[in-house]
Amino acid sequence: MGESFGYLQFAILLGVLMAYMVLAAQFESFVHPFTVLLAMPLSFIGAFGALLLTGKTLNINSYIGLILLMDW
């Protein structure tokens, strides 16, 4: 289980890097993608709040959902 979460954390890191690279190519700037990427922690707060409200735990399925939320 710990090994799986390690791989998922690596996938999140790669997702953030990929999102930055795509946004940098679209905006043709190295600074402007940070304004979009700074909204990501707000989406994580909402996702963790939804998990808390529904009484669900942070498991593999919810971790994959967070990865998809980040790359949306």
Protein backbone atom coordinates (compact mmCIF):
# COMPACT_ATOMS: atom_id res chain seq x y z
CA MET A 1 0.00 0.00 0.00
CA GLY A 2 2.81 2.39 0.88
CA GLU A 3 4.58 1.62 -2.37
CA SER A 4 1.39 2.33 -4.33
CA PHE A 5 0.95 5.70 -2.64
CA GLY A 6 4.57 6.51 -3.44
CA TYR A 7 3.91 5.86 -7.13
CA LEU A 8 0.75 7.96 -6.99
CA GLN A 9 2.61 10.87 -5.43
CA PHE A 10 5.15 10.63 -8.22
CA ALA A 11 2.26 10.67 -10.71
CA ILE A 12 0.91 13.85 -9.10
CA LEU A 13 4.33 15.48 -9.40
CA LEU A 14 4.53 14.50 -13.07
CA GLY A 15 0.98 15.79 -13.59
CA VAL A 16 1.88 19.20 -12.18
CA LEU A 17 4.99 19.34 -14.32
CA MET A 18 3.05 18.34 -17.43
CA ALA A 19 0.32 20.89 -16.71
CA TYR A 20 2.96 23.60 -16.30
CA MET A 21 4.63 22.68 -19.57
CA VAL A 22 1.34 22.71 -21.49
CA LEU A 23 0.29 26.03 -19.97
CA ALA A 24 3.70 27.56 -20.64
CA ALA A 25 3.40 26.54 -24.28
CA GLN A 26 -0.12 27.94 -24.54
CA PHE A 27 0.61 31.24 -22.80
CA GLU A 28 4.10 31.54 -24.32
CA SER A 29 5.37 32.64 -20.92
CA PHE A 30 7.14 31.01 -17.99
CA VAL A 31 5.38 33.18 -15.37
CA HIS A 32 1.68 33.17 -16.34
CA PRO A 33 1.10 29.42 -15.83
CA PHE A 34 1.80 29.91 -12.12
CA THR A 35 -1.39 31.96 -11.78
CA VAL A 36 -3.40 29.00 -13.08
CA LEU A 37 -1.44 26.43 -11.09
CA LEU A 38 -1.93 28.37 -7.85
CA ALA A 39 -5.63 27.50 -8.07
CA MET A 40 -4.78 23.79 -7.65
CA PRO A 41 -4.52 23.88 -3.84
CA LEU A 42 -8.03 25.31 -3.73
CA SER A 43 -9.33 22.33 -5.67
CA PHE A 44 -7.53 19.99 -3.25
CA ILE A 45 -9.19 21.74 -0.32
CA GLY A 46 -12.58 21.18 -1.95
CA ALA A 47 -11.80 17.54 -2.71
CA PHE A 48 -10.63 16.82 0.84
CA GLY A 49 -13.66 18.68 2.18
CA ALA A 50 -15.95 16.49 0.06
CA LEU A 51 -14.19 13.37 1.35
CA LEU A 52 -14.65 14.61 4.90
CA LEU A 53 -18.33 15.48 4.41
CA THR A 54 -19.16 12.11 2.87
CA GLY A 55 -17.14 10.17 5.44
CA LYS A 56 -14.90 8.57 2.82
CA THR A 57 -11.21 7.83 3.28
CA LEU A 58 -8.22 8.76 1.18
CA ASN A 59 -7.67 5.54 -0.77
CA ILE A 60 -6.33 4.58 -4.19
CA ASN A 61 -9.55 5.55 -5.99
CA SER A 62 -9.74 8.98 -4.38
CA TYR A 63 -6.02 9.53 -5.04
CA ILE A 64 -6.58 8.78 -8.74
CA GLY A 65 -9.48 11.23 -8.66
CA LEU A 66 -7.17 13.91 -7.27
CA ILE A 67 -4.72 13.27 -10.09
CA LEU A 68 -7.51 13.63 -12.64
CA LEU A 69 -8.74 16.80 -10.92
CA MET A 70 -5.28 18.28 -11.18
CA ASP A 71 -4.94 17.53 -14.90
CA TRP A 72 -8.41 18.71 -15.84
